[in-house]
Amino acid sequence: MAHLKSILLGLLGIRKRRQVEAIPKQVVFRNLLDANSILNSLGIRCWLTDGTLLGFLREKDLIEHDRDVDLGVRIEDYSDAIIPEFGKQGFELKYVLGEKRQGLELSFIRAGAKVDLFFFYREGDRMWHGAWQTNCRFSEESGVSKGREV
């Protein structure tokens, strides 16, 4: 019966979400602490942003189902040393999204947990960062590079 239900849902275009094994919270916290330490060693200040910030504001903890850490960095603080320094600490560069001139995001992974560095840009009295999906495609005319997996 379960098989029949699966076939019917598939025909209707409804897909069951794939169960993803939980990453122990201590792994995510270790990545957060180490990422902060790496950036501090380079003289780069960072802050919690996006889902990580939401979790700490709302739940005083990581969101239970969150599998990554979101950190904000000012684009003026970007350094070419970021990627090699993360590598020395066992992080693998997974994605480079956007470009330094517009919407840069670096995504690292270690022990199954990601650390996303969102670079913030100032426009007048506001700041913004790019938000990417790894399967996005952009036209060459847009002036924004394609998201690419490393």
C-alpha atoms as a PDB file:
ATOM      1  CA  MET A   1       0.000   0.000   0.000  1.00  0.00           C
ATOM      2  CA  ALA A   2       2.839   2.419   0.847  1.00  0.00           C
ATOM      3  CA  HIS A   3       4.382   1.683  -2.568  1.00  0.00           C
ATOM      4  CA  LEU A   4       1.088   2.511  -4.304  1.00  0.00           C
ATOM      5  CA  LYS A   5       0.835   5.768  -2.361  1.00  0.00           C
ATOM      6  CA  SER A   6       4.389   6.652  -3.420  1.00  0.00           C
ATOM      7  CA  ILE A   7       3.557   6.003  -7.089  1.00  0.00           C
ATOM      8  CA  LEU A   8       0.359   8.064  -6.881  1.00  0.00           C
ATOM      9  CA  LEU A   9       2.142  10.996  -5.230  1.00  0.00           C
ATOM     10  CA  GLY A  10       4.862  10.771  -7.900  1.00  0.00           C
ATOM     11  CA  LEU A  11       2.291  10.918 -10.687  1.00  0.00           C
ATOM     12  CA  LEU A  12       0.764  13.994  -9.081  1.00  0.00           C
ATOM     13  CA  GLY A  13       4.179  15.625  -8.908  1.00  0.00           C
ATOM     14  CA  ILE A  14       4.269  15.549  -5.107  1.00  0.00           C
ATOM     15  CA  ARG A  15       7.612  14.409  -3.800  1.00  0.00           C
ATOM     16  CA  LYS A  16       8.279  13.250  -0.289  1.00  0.00           C
ATOM     17  CA  ARG A  17      11.121  15.155   1.332  1.00  0.00           C
ATOM     18  CA  ARG A  18      14.230  13.072   1.687  1.00  0.00           C
ATOM     19  CA  GLN A  19      15.105  12.458   5.318  1.00  0.00           C
ATOM     20  CA  VAL A  20      18.503  13.940   6.069  1.00  0.00           C
ATOM     21  CA  GLU A  21      20.574  12.616   8.917  1.00  0.00           C
ATOM     22  CA  ALA A  22      20.918  15.195  11.661  1.00  0.00           C
ATOM     23  CA  ILE A  23      24.317  16.742  12.239  1.00  0.00           C
ATOM     24  CA  PRO A  24      25.261  16.826  15.917  1.00  0.00           C
ATOM     25  CA  LYS A  25      24.912  20.338  17.296  1.00  0.00           C
ATOM     26  CA  GLN A  26      28.427  20.242  18.718  1.00  0.00           C
ATOM     27  CA  VAL A  27      29.785  19.860  15.148  1.00  0.00           C
ATOM     28  CA  VAL A  28      27.871  22.936  13.993  1.00  0.00           C
ATOM     29  CA  PHE A  29      29.001  24.909  17.072  1.00  0.00           C
ATOM     30  CA  ARG A  30      32.631  23.838  16.536  1.00  0.00           C
ATOM     31  CA  ASN A  31      32.436  25.075  12.934  1.00  0.00           C
ATOM     32  CA  LEU A  32      30.974  28.370  14.150  1.00  0.00           C
ATOM     33  CA  LEU A  33      33.704  28.883  16.746  1.00  0.00           C
ATOM     34  CA  ASP A  34      36.498  27.904  14.358  1.00  0.00           C
ATOM     35  CA  ALA A  35      35.168  30.100  11.533  1.00  0.00           C
ATOM     36  CA  ASN A  36      35.023  33.048  13.928  1.00  0.00           C
ATOM     37  CA  SER A  37      38.575  32.300  15.091  1.00  0.00           C
ATOM     38  CA  ILE A  38      39.874  32.091  11.501  1.00  0.00           C
ATOM     39  CA  LEU A  39      38.286  35.396  10.564  1.00  0.00           C
ATOM     40  CA  ASN A  40      39.521  37.072  13.756  1.00  0.00           C
ATOM     41  CA  SER A  41      43.063  35.858  13.026  1.00  0.00           C
ATOM     42  CA  LEU A  42      42.816  37.714   9.698  1.00  0.00           C
ATOM     43  CA  GLY A  43      41.538  40.868  11.392  1.00  0.00           C
ATOM     44  CA  ILE A  44      38.061  40.328   9.928  1.00  0.00           C
ATOM     45  CA  ARG A  45      35.018  40.961  12.068  1.00  0.00           C
ATOM     46  CA  CYS A  46      31.960  38.815  11.471  1.00  0.00           C
ATOM     47  CA  TRP A  47      28.480  38.463  12.904  1.00  0.00           C
ATOM     48  CA  LEU A  48      25.636  35.959  12.948  1.00  0.00           C
ATOM     49  CA  THR A  49      23.146  36.491  10.146  1.00  0.00           C
ATOM     50  CA  ASP A  50      20.152  34.876   8.471  1.00  0.00           C
ATOM     51  CA  GLY A  51      18.971  31.552   9.970  1.00  0.00           C
ATOM     52  CA  THR A  52      21.761  31.398  12.541  1.00  0.00           C
ATOM     53  CA  LEU A  53      20.861  34.829  13.883  1.00  0.00           C
ATOM     54  CA  LEU A  54      17.166  33.957  13.846  1.00  0.00           C
ATOM     55  CA  GLY A  55      17.815  30.822  15.902  1.00  0.00           C
ATOM     56  CA  PHE A  56      19.819  32.652  18.529  1.00  0.00           C
ATOM     57  CA  LEU A  57      17.263  35.473  18.773  1.00  0.00           C
ATOM     58  CA  ARG A  58      14.195  33.240  18.811  1.00  0.00           C
ATOM     59  CA  GLU A  59      15.408  30.049  20.491  1.00  0.00           C
ATOM     60  CA  LYS A  60      18.682  31.165  22.138  1.00  0.00           C
ATOM     61  CA  ASP A  61      20.218  28.260  20.222  1.00  0.00           C
ATOM     62  CA  LEU A  62      20.693  26.894  16.737  1.00  0.00           C
ATOM     63  CA  ILE A  63      17.431  26.111  14.963  1.00  0.00           C
ATOM     64  CA  GLU A  64      16.944  22.387  15.490  1.00  0.00           C
ATOM     65  CA  HIS A  65      16.785  21.487  11.784  1.00  0.00           C
ATOM     66  CA  ASP A  66      19.462  23.988  10.674  1.00  0.00           C
ATOM     67  CA  ARG A  67      22.503  22.302   9.159  1.00  0.00           C
ATOM     68  CA  ASP A  68      24.725  25.313   8.612  1.00  0.00           C
ATOM     69  CA  VAL A  69      26.134  28.495  10.084  1.00  0.00           C
ATOM     70  CA  ASP A  70      25.475  31.860   8.445  1.00  0.00           C
ATOM     71  CA  LEU A  71      28.041  34.596   9.055  1.00  0.00           C
ATOM     72  CA  GLY A  72      28.104  38.150   7.752  1.00  0.00           C
ATOM     73  CA  VAL A  73      31.278  39.995   6.727  1.00  0.00           C
ATOM     74  CA  ARG A  74      31.665  43.459   5.215  1.00  0.00           C
ATOM     75  CA  ILE A  75      32.911  43.248   1.630  1.00  0.00           C
ATOM     76  CA  GLU A  76      35.561  45.848   2.488  1.00  0.00           C
ATOM     77  CA  ASP A  77      37.078  43.233   4.817  1.00  0.00           C
ATOM     78  CA  TYR A  78      37.386  40.561   2.107  1.00  0.00           C
ATOM     79  CA  SER A  79      40.822  38.962   1.942  1.00  0.00           C
ATOM     80  CA  ASP A  80      42.282  36.455  -0.508  1.00  0.00           C
ATOM     81  CA  ALA A  81      43.644  34.690   2.603  1.00  0.00           C
ATOM     82  CA  ILE A  82      40.158  33.564   3.721  1.00  0.00           C
ATOM     83  CA  ILE A  83      39.953  30.455   1.543  1.00  0.00           C
ATOM     84  CA  PRO A  84      43.440  29.082   2.333  1.00  0.00           C
ATOM     85  CA  GLU A  85      43.004  29.784   6.069  1.00  0.00           C
ATOM     86  CA  PHE A  86      39.715  27.887   6.159  1.00  0.00           C
ATOM     87  CA  GLY A  87      41.439  25.058   4.274  1.00  0.00           C
ATOM     88  CA  LYS A  88      44.185  24.858   6.913  1.00  0.00           C
ATOM     89  CA  GLN A  89      41.476  24.203   9.502  1.00  0.00           C
ATOM     90  CA  GLY A  90      39.961  21.324   7.526  1.00  0.00           C
ATOM     91  CA  PHE A  91      37.189  23.231   5.763  1.00  0.00           C
ATOM     92  CA  GLU A  92      36.550  22.449   2.112  1.00  0.00           C
ATOM     93  CA  LEU A  93      35.403  25.266  -0.167  1.00  0.00           C
ATOM     94  CA  LYS A  94      32.103  23.994  -1.578  1.00  0.00           C
ATOM     95  CA  TYR A  95      30.654  26.975  -3.472  1.00  0.00           C
ATOM     96  CA  VAL A  96      31.636  30.408  -4.682  1.00  0.00           C
ATOM     97  CA  LEU A  97      28.493  32.354  -5.520  1.00  0.00           C
ATOM     98  CA  GLY A  98      28.322  35.843  -6.983  1.00  0.00           C
ATOM     99  CA  GLU A  99      31.430  37.935  -7.334  1.00  0.00           C
ATOM    100  CA  LYS A 100      33.392  40.275  -5.125  1.00  0.00           C
ATOM    101  CA  ARG A 101      31.927  43.261  -6.934  1.00  0.00           C
ATOM    102  CA  GLN A 102      28.354  42.033  -6.372  1.00  0.00           C
ATOM    103  CA  GLY A 103      26.808  39.478  -4.044  1.00  0.00           C
ATOM    104  CA  LEU A 104      29.787  37.319  -3.062  1.00  0.00           C
ATOM    105  CA  GLU A 105      29.101  34.273  -0.895  1.00  0.00           C
ATOM    106  CA  LEU A 106      31.657  31.630   0.088  1.00  0.00           C
ATOM    107  CA  SER A 107      30.353  28.293   1.312  1.00  0.00           C
ATOM    108  CA  PHE A 108      32.621  25.926   3.229  1.00  0.00           C
ATOM    109  CA  ILE A 109      31.900  22.472   4.611  1.00  0.00           C
ATOM    110  CA  ARG A 110      33.528  20.419   7.367  1.00  0.00           C
ATOM    111  CA  ALA A 111      32.219  17.275   9.048  1.00  0.00           C
ATOM    112  CA  GLY A 112      28.993  17.554   7.038  1.00  0.00           C
ATOM    113  CA  ALA A 113      28.110  21.030   8.353  1.00  0.00           C
ATOM    114  CA  LYS A 114      28.365  24.151   6.187  1.00  0.00           C
ATOM    115  CA  VAL A 115      29.599  27.622   7.026  1.00  0.00           C
ATOM    116  CA  ASP A 116      28.249  30.269   4.674  1.00  0.00           C
ATOM    117  CA  LEU A 117      30.050  33.614   4.547  1.00  0.00           C
ATOM    118  CA  PHE A 118      27.736  36.308   3.209  1.00  0.00           C
ATOM    119  CA  PHE A 119      29.537  39.473   2.190  1.00  0.00           C
ATOM    120  CA  PHE A 120      27.547  42.626   2.916  1.00  0.00           C
ATOM    121  CA  TYR A 121      27.509  45.668   0.642  1.00  0.00           C
ATOM    122  CA  ARG A 122      26.649  49.211   1.699  1.00  0.00           C
ATOM    123  CA  GLU A 123      24.334  51.353  -0.395  1.00  0.00           C
ATOM    124  CA  GLY A 124      23.641  54.654   1.321  1.00  0.00           C
ATOM    125  CA  ASP A 125      22.387  53.915   4.815  1.00  0.00           C
ATOM    126  CA  ARG A 126      21.486  50.292   4.025  1.00  0.00           C
ATOM    127  CA  MET A 127      23.420  47.045   3.787  1.00  0.00           C
ATOM    128  CA  TRP A 128      22.549  43.973   1.739  1.00  0.00           C
ATOM    129  CA  HIS A 129      23.944  40.594   0.763  1.00  0.00           C
ATOM    130  CA  GLY A 130      23.239  38.222  -2.091  1.00  0.00           C
ATOM    131  CA  ALA A 131      21.120  35.135  -1.537  1.00  0.00           C
ATOM    132  CA  TRP A 132      21.816  32.329  -3.976  1.00  0.00           C
ATOM    133  CA  GLN A 133      20.539  28.925  -4.860  1.00  0.00           C
ATOM    134  CA  THR A 134      23.316  26.643  -6.015  1.00  0.00           C
ATOM    135  CA  ASN A 135      21.363  25.669  -9.114  1.00  0.00           C
ATOM    136  CA  CYS A 136      20.752  29.270 -10.264  1.00  0.00           C
ATOM    137  CA  ARG A 137      21.747  30.246 -13.752  1.00  0.00           C
ATOM    138  CA  PHE A 138      22.221  33.825 -14.818  1.00  0.00           C
ATOM    139  CA  SER A 139      22.540  35.352 -18.244  1.00  0.00           C
ATOM    140  CA  GLU A 140      25.843  36.880 -19.253  1.00  0.00           C
ATOM    141  CA  GLU A 141      24.046  40.203 -19.765  1.00  0.00           C
ATOM    142  CA  SER A 142      23.118  40.327 -16.071  1.00  0.00           C
ATOM    143  CA  GLY A 143      26.702  41.079 -15.100  1.00  0.00           C
ATOM    144  CA  VAL A 144      26.576  38.444 -12.371  1.00  0.00           C
ATOM    145  CA  SER A 145      28.645  35.316 -12.625  1.00  0.00           C
ATOM    146  CA  LYS A 146      27.034  31.923 -12.524  1.00  0.00           C
ATOM    147  CA  GLY A 147      27.009  30.144  -9.193  1.00  0.00           C
ATOM    148  CA  ARG A 148      29.641  27.468  -9.372  1.00  0.00           C
ATOM    149  CA  GLU A 149      30.559  24.483  -7.309  1.00  0.00           C
ATOM    150  CA  VAL A 150      34.232  24.180  -6.511  1.00  0.00           C
END
